[in-house]
Amino acid sequence: MQINEKQEVTVVDIKMPFMSMVMFMVKFAIASIPAFIVLTIIFMILGAVFGGIMHGLGLGSGMMGY
């Protein structure tokens, strides 16, 4: 077999005890909370920046003529 040859692999089963899988999913859910908070803050900042830009251009007031 050469070094550059690719091999395909198919995973057909994962043997994992049920309680271990439950604990993994609980840890994953708890770890996703700070990530959600960080993403929320980033999108709030981006929304404020682009909202300020649009308002400065007169496109973001939401009322015609104002």
Protein backbone atom coordinates (compact mmCIF):
# COMPACT_ATOMS: atom_id res chain seq x y z
CA MET A 1 0.00 0.00 0.00
CA GLN A 2 1.29 3.44 -0.89
CA ILE A 3 1.34 6.38 1.52
CA ASN A 4 -1.03 8.52 -0.61
CA GLU A 5 -3.70 5.81 -0.92
CA LYS A 6 -7.01 6.56 0.79
CA GLN A 7 -8.97 3.95 2.69
CA GLU A 8 -12.68 4.18 3.34
CA VAL A 9 -13.93 3.26 6.78
CA THR A 10 -17.54 2.64 7.80
CA VAL A 11 -18.52 2.64 11.47
CA VAL A 12 -21.38 0.22 12.03
CA ASP A 13 -21.62 0.08 15.83
CA ILE A 14 -20.46 1.85 18.96
CA LYS A 15 -20.52 -0.17 22.14
CA MET A 16 -21.12 2.23 25.01
CA PRO A 17 -23.04 1.61 28.25
CA PHE A 18 -26.33 3.48 28.50
CA MET A 19 -25.43 5.47 31.64
CA SER A 20 -22.12 6.55 30.11
CA MET A 21 -24.01 7.84 27.07
CA VAL A 22 -26.50 9.68 29.31
CA MET A 23 -23.68 11.31 31.26
CA PHE A 24 -21.96 12.30 28.00
CA MET A 25 -25.16 13.92 26.71
CA VAL A 26 -25.71 15.78 30.01
CA LYS A 27 -22.13 17.10 29.94
CA PHE A 28 -22.59 18.13 26.31
CA ALA A 29 -25.81 20.00 27.14
CA ILE A 30 -24.17 21.80 30.08
CA ALA A 31 -21.12 22.70 27.96
CA SER A 32 -23.35 24.19 25.25
CA ILE A 33 -24.82 26.82 27.60
CA PRO A 34 -21.70 29.06 27.75
CA ALA A 35 -21.26 28.67 23.99
CA PHE A 36 -24.85 29.85 23.47
CA ILE A 37 -24.25 32.85 25.75
CA VAL A 38 -21.08 33.82 23.87
CA LEU A 39 -22.82 33.52 20.49
CA THR A 40 -25.75 35.58 21.77
CA ILE A 41 -23.40 38.37 22.89
CA ILE A 42 -21.56 38.31 19.54
CA PHE A 43 -24.82 38.57 17.57
CA MET A 44 -26.10 41.35 19.86
CA ILE A 45 -22.92 43.35 19.20
CA LEU A 46 -23.15 42.73 15.45
CA GLY A 47 -26.83 43.72 15.48
CA ALA A 48 -26.04 46.94 17.33
CA VAL A 49 -23.21 47.82 14.94
CA PHE A 50 -25.19 47.13 11.77
CA GLY A 51 -28.32 48.72 13.27
CA GLY A 52 -26.30 51.86 14.02
CA ILE A 53 -24.92 51.89 10.50
CA MET A 54 -28.38 51.49 8.96
CA HIS A 55 -29.83 54.14 11.25
CA GLY A 56 -26.98 56.49 10.33
CA LEU A 57 -27.79 55.95 6.68
CA GLY A 58 -31.46 56.63 7.33
CA LEU A 59 -32.50 53.07 6.50
CA GLY A 60 -33.21 51.65 9.92
CA SER A 61 -35.85 53.81 11.53
CA GLY A 62 -38.76 51.66 10.42
CA MET A 63 -40.95 54.72 9.75
CA MET A 64 -41.27 56.30 6.37
CA GLY A 65 -40.37 59.96 6.29
CA TYR A 66 -38.57 60.10 9.62
